[in-house]
Amino acid sequence: MNLGFGEVAIILIVALLIFGPSKLPKLGRAAGETLQEFKKGMKQVIDDDDQNKQKTND
């Protein structure tokens, strides 16, 4: 899903109207941390799966 500049601008404007300027940095930080934890968890699942495959091949 690729978003263009126009779509991103509309999303930011709507978010600004809904949450206000004071809460946007907090929301952005929370979203970033959540995404980082999700990626970390997915990497761990993939690594565990690879280890299980190696054990069954040995």
PDB file of N, CA and C in Angstrom:
ATOM      1  N   MET A   1       0.845  -1.160   0.000  1.00  0.00           N
ATOM      2  CA  MET A   1       0.000   0.000   0.000  1.00  0.00           C
ATOM      3  C   MET A   1       0.896   1.230   0.000  1.00  0.00           C
ATOM      4  N   ASN A   2       0.995   1.892  -1.115  1.00  0.00           N
ATOM      5  CA  ASN A   2       1.803   3.097  -1.231  1.00  0.00           C
ATOM      6  C   ASN A   2       0.912   4.321  -1.120  1.00  0.00           C
ATOM      7  N   LEU A   3       1.298   5.217  -0.231  1.00  0.00           N
ATOM      8  CA  LEU A   3       0.555   6.453  -0.057  1.00  0.00           C
ATOM      9  C   LEU A   3       1.328   7.599  -0.692  1.00  0.00           C
ATOM     10  N   GLY A   4       0.617   8.428  -1.395  1.00  0.00           N
ATOM     11  CA  GLY A   4       1.240   9.599  -1.977  1.00  0.00           C
ATOM     12  C   GLY A   4       1.264  10.745  -0.990  1.00  0.00           C
ATOM     13  N   PHE A   5       1.873  11.852  -1.412  1.00  0.00           N
ATOM     14  CA  PHE A   5       1.980  13.009  -0.529  1.00  0.00           C
ATOM     15  C   PHE A   5       0.603  13.541  -0.144  1.00  0.00           C
ATOM     16  N   GLY A   6      -0.313  13.563  -1.079  1.00  0.00           N
ATOM     17  CA  GLY A   6      -1.655  14.079  -0.818  1.00  0.00           C
ATOM     18  C   GLY A   6      -2.387  13.277   0.240  1.00  0.00           C
ATOM     19  N   GLU A   7      -2.304  11.956   0.146  1.00  0.00           N
ATOM     20  CA  GLU A   7      -2.972  11.101   1.124  1.00  0.00           C
ATOM     21  C   GLU A   7      -2.373  11.258   2.516  1.00  0.00           C
ATOM     22  N   VAL A   8      -1.044  11.329   2.568  1.00  0.00           N
ATOM     23  CA  VAL A   8      -0.379  11.495   3.866  1.00  0.00           C
ATOM     24  C   VAL A   8      -0.761  12.831   4.481  1.00  0.00           C
ATOM     25  N   ALA A   9      -0.816  13.875   3.673  1.00  0.00           N
ATOM     26  CA  ALA A   9      -1.193  15.202   4.170  1.00  0.00           C
ATOM     27  C   ALA A   9      -2.612  15.191   4.723  1.00  0.00           C
ATOM     28  N   ILE A  10      -3.531  14.532   4.033  1.00  0.00           N
ATOM     29  CA  ILE A  10      -4.920  14.465   4.512  1.00  0.00           C
ATOM     30  C   ILE A  10      -4.990  13.698   5.829  1.00  0.00           C
ATOM     31  N   ILE A  11      -4.267  12.588   5.927  1.00  0.00           N
ATOM     32  CA  ILE A  11      -4.257  11.808   7.167  1.00  0.00           C
ATOM     33  C   ILE A  11      -3.714  12.646   8.318  1.00  0.00           C
ATOM     34  N   LEU A  12      -2.641  13.379   8.081  1.00  0.00           N
ATOM     35  CA  LEU A  12      -2.061  14.219   9.143  1.00  0.00           C
ATOM     36  C   LEU A  12      -3.005  15.336   9.558  1.00  0.00           C
ATOM     37  N   ILE A  13      -3.683  15.937   8.603  1.00  0.00           N
ATOM     38  CA  ILE A  13      -4.629  17.008   8.927  1.00  0.00           C
ATOM     39  C   ILE A  13      -5.789  16.471   9.750  1.00  0.00           C
ATOM     40  N   VAL A  14      -6.326  15.333   9.363  1.00  0.00           N
ATOM     41  CA  VAL A  14      -7.425  14.727  10.121  1.00  0.00           C
ATOM     42  C   VAL A  14      -6.960  14.358  11.528  1.00  0.00           C
ATOM     43  N   ALA A  15      -5.763  13.780  11.644  1.00  0.00           N
ATOM     44  CA  ALA A  15      -5.227  13.428  12.960  1.00  0.00           C
ATOM     45  C   ALA A  15      -5.035  14.674  13.815  1.00  0.00           C
ATOM     46  N   LEU A  16      -4.575  15.746  13.200  1.00  0.00           N
ATOM     47  CA  LEU A  16      -4.392  17.003  13.928  1.00  0.00           C
ATOM     48  C   LEU A  16      -5.723  17.529  14.436  1.00  0.00           C
ATOM     49  N   LEU A  17      -6.757  17.449  13.612  1.00  0.00           N
ATOM     50  CA  LEU A  17      -8.076  17.916  14.026  1.00  0.00           C
ATOM     51  C   LEU A  17      -8.667  17.050  15.128  1.00  0.00           C
ATOM     52  N   ILE A  18      -8.452  15.750  15.054  1.00  0.00           N
ATOM     53  CA  ILE A  18      -9.039  14.839  16.046  1.00  0.00           C
ATOM     54  C   ILE A  18      -8.297  14.896  17.378  1.00  0.00           C
ATOM     55  N   PHE A  19      -6.971  14.809  17.336  1.00  0.00           N
ATOM     56  CA  PHE A  19      -6.199  14.670  18.570  1.00  0.00           C
ATOM     57  C   PHE A  19      -5.609  15.968  19.084  1.00  0.00           C
ATOM     58  N   GLY A  20      -5.467  16.951  18.241  1.00  0.00           N
ATOM     59  CA  GLY A  20      -4.862  18.213  18.660  1.00  0.00           C
ATOM     60  C   GLY A  20      -3.353  18.154  18.562  1.00  0.00           C
ATOM     61  N   PRO A  21      -2.725  19.326  18.485  1.00  0.00           N
ATOM     62  CA  PRO A  21      -1.277  19.375  18.272  1.00  0.00           C
ATOM     63  C   PRO A  21      -0.451  18.864  19.450  1.00  0.00           C
ATOM     64  N   SER A  22      -0.987  18.895  20.644  1.00  0.00           N
ATOM     65  CA  SER A  22      -0.194  18.481  21.802  1.00  0.00           C
ATOM     66  C   SER A  22      -0.059  16.966  21.907  1.00  0.00           C
ATOM     67  N   LYS A  23      -1.011  16.211  21.389  1.00  0.00           N
ATOM     68  CA  LYS A  23      -0.973  14.754  21.530  1.00  0.00           C
ATOM     69  C   LYS A  23      -0.338  14.052  20.343  1.00  0.00           C
ATOM     70  N   LEU A  24      -0.164  14.725  19.221  1.00  0.00           N
ATOM     71  CA  LEU A  24       0.395  14.066  18.043  1.00  0.00           C
ATOM     72  C   LEU A  24       1.796  13.506  18.259  1.00  0.00           C
ATOM     73  N   PRO A  25       2.714  14.232  18.893  1.00  0.00           N
ATOM     74  CA  PRO A  25       4.042  13.635  19.126  1.00  0.00           C
ATOM     75  C   PRO A  25       3.983  12.369  19.984  1.00  0.00           C
ATOM     76  N   LYS A  26       3.118  12.372  20.994  1.00  0.00           N
ATOM     77  CA  LYS A  26       2.971  11.186  21.846  1.00  0.00           C
ATOM     78  C   LYS A  26       2.416  10.013  21.052  1.00  0.00           C
ATOM     79  N   LEU A  27       1.436  10.288  20.203  1.00  0.00           N
ATOM     80  CA  LEU A  27       0.849   9.226  19.385  1.00  0.00           C
ATOM     81  C   LEU A  27       1.860   8.682  18.385  1.00  0.00           C
ATOM     82  N   GLY A  28       2.634   9.566  17.782  1.00  0.00           N
ATOM     83  CA  GLY A  28       3.657   9.142  16.835  1.00  0.00           C
ATOM     84  C   GLY A  28       4.722   8.288  17.505  1.00  0.00           C
ATOM     85  N   ARG A  29       5.136   8.701  18.677  1.00  0.00           N
ATOM     86  CA  ARG A  29       6.137   7.941  19.423  1.00  0.00           C
ATOM     87  C   ARG A  29       5.597   6.563  19.793  1.00  0.00           C
ATOM     88  N   ALA A  30       4.354   6.521  20.268  1.00  0.00           N
ATOM     89  CA  ALA A  30       3.746   5.237  20.640  1.00  0.00           C
ATOM     90  C   ALA A  30       3.603   4.328  19.421  1.00  0.00           C
ATOM     91  N   ALA A  31       3.216   4.895  18.289  1.00  0.00           N
ATOM     92  CA  ALA A  31       3.082   4.097  17.067  1.00  0.00           C
ATOM     93  C   ALA A  31       4.444   3.555  16.630  1.00  0.00           C
ATOM     94  N   GLY A  32       5.470   4.369  16.729  1.00  0.00           N
ATOM     95  CA  GLY A  32       6.818   3.933  16.369  1.00  0.00           C
ATOM     96  C   GLY A  32       7.318   2.823  17.270  1.00  0.00           C
ATOM     97  N   GLU A  33       7.093   2.959  18.565  1.00  0.00           N
ATOM     98  CA  GLU A  33       7.521   1.922  19.506  1.00  0.00           C
ATOM     99  C   GLU A  33       6.756   0.623  19.270  1.00  0.00           C
ATOM    100  N   THR A  34       5.464   0.745  18.977  1.00  0.00           N
ATOM    101  CA  THR A  34       4.657  -0.441  18.704  1.00  0.00           C
ATOM    102  C   THR A  34       5.150  -1.155  17.458  1.00  0.00           C
ATOM    103  N   LEU A  35       5.436  -0.402  16.418  1.00  0.00           N
ATOM    104  CA  LEU A  35       5.940  -0.992  15.178  1.00  0.00           C
ATOM    105  C   LEU A  35       7.295  -1.660  15.406  1.00  0.00           C
ATOM    106  N   GLN A  36       8.144  -1.014  16.191  1.00  0.00           N
ATOM    107  CA  GLN A  36       9.461  -1.573  16.489  1.00  0.00           C
ATOM    108  C   GLN A  36       9.324  -2.894  17.254  1.00  0.00           C
ATOM    109  N   GLU A  37       8.442  -2.951  18.235  1.00  0.00           N
ATOM    110  CA  GLU A  37       8.232  -4.178  18.998  1.00  0.00           C
ATOM    111  C   GLU A  37       7.646  -5.274  18.119  1.00  0.00           C
ATOM    112  N   PHE A  38       6.744  -4.904  17.210  1.00  0.00           N
ATOM    113  CA  PHE A  38       6.157  -5.879  16.302  1.00  0.00           C
ATOM    114  C   PHE A  38       7.232  -6.486  15.400  1.00  0.00           C
ATOM    115  N   LYS A  39       8.094  -5.638  14.845  1.00  0.00           N
ATOM    116  CA  LYS A  39       9.170  -6.130  13.985  1.00  0.00           C
ATOM    117  C   LYS A  39      10.116  -7.037  14.758  1.00  0.00           C
ATOM    118  N   LYS A  40      10.413  -6.655  15.995  1.00  0.00           N
ATOM    119  CA  LYS A  40      11.295  -7.446  16.849  1.00  0.00           C
ATOM    120  C   LYS A  40      10.677  -8.820  17.128  1.00  0.00           C
ATOM    121  N   GLY A  41       9.380  -8.838  17.408  1.00  0.00           N
ATOM    122  CA  GLY A  41       8.687 -10.093  17.654  1.00  0.00           C
ATOM    123  C   GLY A  41       8.640 -10.973  16.417  1.00  0.00           C
ATOM    124  N   MET A  42       8.402 -10.375  15.262  1.00  0.00           N
ATOM    125  CA  MET A  42       8.368 -11.140  14.022  1.00  0.00           C
ATOM    126  C   MET A  42       9.739 -11.745  13.714  1.00  0.00           C
ATOM    127  N   LYS A  43      10.798 -10.985  13.959  1.00  0.00           N
ATOM    128  CA  LYS A  43      12.155 -11.492  13.727  1.00  0.00           C
ATOM    129  C   LYS A  43      12.426 -12.677  14.643  1.00  0.00           C
ATOM    130  N   GLN A  44      11.979 -12.576  15.878  1.00  0.00           N
ATOM    131  CA  GLN A  44      12.190 -13.663  16.830  1.00  0.00           C
ATOM    132  C   GLN A  44      11.427 -14.916  16.393  1.00  0.00           C
ATOM    133  N   VAL A  45      10.211 -14.749  15.905  1.00  0.00           N
ATOM    134  CA  VAL A  45       9.429 -15.896  15.436  1.00  0.00           C
ATOM    135  C   VAL A  45      10.121 -16.552  14.243  1.00  0.00           C
ATOM    136  N   ILE A  46      10.619 -15.745  13.318  1.00  0.00           N
ATOM    137  CA  ILE A  46      11.311 -16.277  12.141  1.00  0.00           C
ATOM    138  C   ILE A  46      12.585 -17.005  12.559  1.00  0.00           C
ATOM    139  N   ASP A  47      13.344 -16.408  13.493  1.00  0.00           N
ATOM    140  CA  ASP A  47      14.567 -17.051  13.975  1.00  0.00           C
ATOM    141  C   ASP A  47      14.264 -18.384  14.660  1.00  0.00           C
ATOM    142  N   ASP A  48      13.205 -18.411  15.479  1.00  0.00           N
ATOM    143  CA  ASP A  48      12.816 -19.660  16.147  1.00  0.00           C
ATOM    144  C   ASP A  48      12.401 -20.714  15.124  1.00  0.00           C
ATOM    145  N   ASP A  49      11.685 -20.296  14.105  1.00  0.00           N
ATOM    146  CA  ASP A  49      11.258 -21.224  13.061  1.00  0.00           C
ATOM    147  C   ASP A  49      12.465 -21.790  12.317  1.00  0.00           C
ATOM    148  N   ASP A  50      13.442 -20.927  12.018  1.00  0.00           N
ATOM    149  CA  ASP A  50      14.656 -21.391  11.349  1.00  0.00           C
ATOM    150  C   ASP A  50      15.415 -22.394  12.224  1.00  0.00           C
ATOM    151  N   GLN A  51      15.491 -22.137  13.528  1.00  0.00           N
ATOM    152  CA  GLN A  51      16.176 -23.052  14.438  1.00  0.00           C
ATOM    153  C   GLN A  51      15.460 -24.398  14.490  1.00  0.00           C
ATOM    154  N   ASN A  52      14.121 -24.374  14.502  1.00  0.00           N
ATOM    155  CA  ASN A  52      13.363 -25.624  14.516  1.00  0.00           C
ATOM    156  C   ASN A  52      13.566 -26.417  13.240  1.00  0.00           C
ATOM    157  N   LYS A  53      13.663 -25.741  12.121  1.00  0.00           N
ATOM    158  CA  LYS A  53      13.907 -26.419  10.838  1.00  0.00           C
ATOM    159  C   LYS A  53      15.286 -27.061  10.837  1.00  0.00           C
ATOM    160  N   GLN A  54      16.292 -26.373  11.395  1.00  0.00           N
ATOM    161  CA  GLN A  54      17.641 -26.924  11.447  1.00  0.00           C
ATOM    162  C   GLN A  54      17.685 -28.150  12.343  1.00  0.00           C
ATOM    163  N   LYS A  55      16.956 -28.119  13.449  1.00  0.00           N
ATOM    164  CA  LYS A  55      16.942 -29.259  14.371  1.00  0.00           C
ATOM    165  C   LYS A  55      16.301 -30.475  13.719  1.00  0.00           C
ATOM    166  N   THR A  56      15.269 -30.259  12.922  1.00  0.00           N
ATOM    167  CA  THR A  56      14.599 -31.402  12.289  1.00  0.00           C
ATOM    168  C   THR A  56      15.425 -31.957  11.138  1.00  0.00           C
ATOM    169  N   ASN A  57      16.281 -31.128  10.535  1.00  0.00           N
ATOM    170  CA  ASN A  57      17.123 -31.585   9.441  1.00  0.00           C
ATOM    171  C   ASN A  57      18.363 -32.314   9.934  1.00  0.00           C
ATOM    172  N   ASP A  58      18.726 -32.123  11.189  1.00  0.00           N
ATOM    173  CA  ASP A  58      19.953 -32.758  11.726  1.00  0.00           C
ATOM    174  C   ASP A  58      19.743 -34.171  12.085  1.00  0.00           C
TER     175      ASP A  58
END
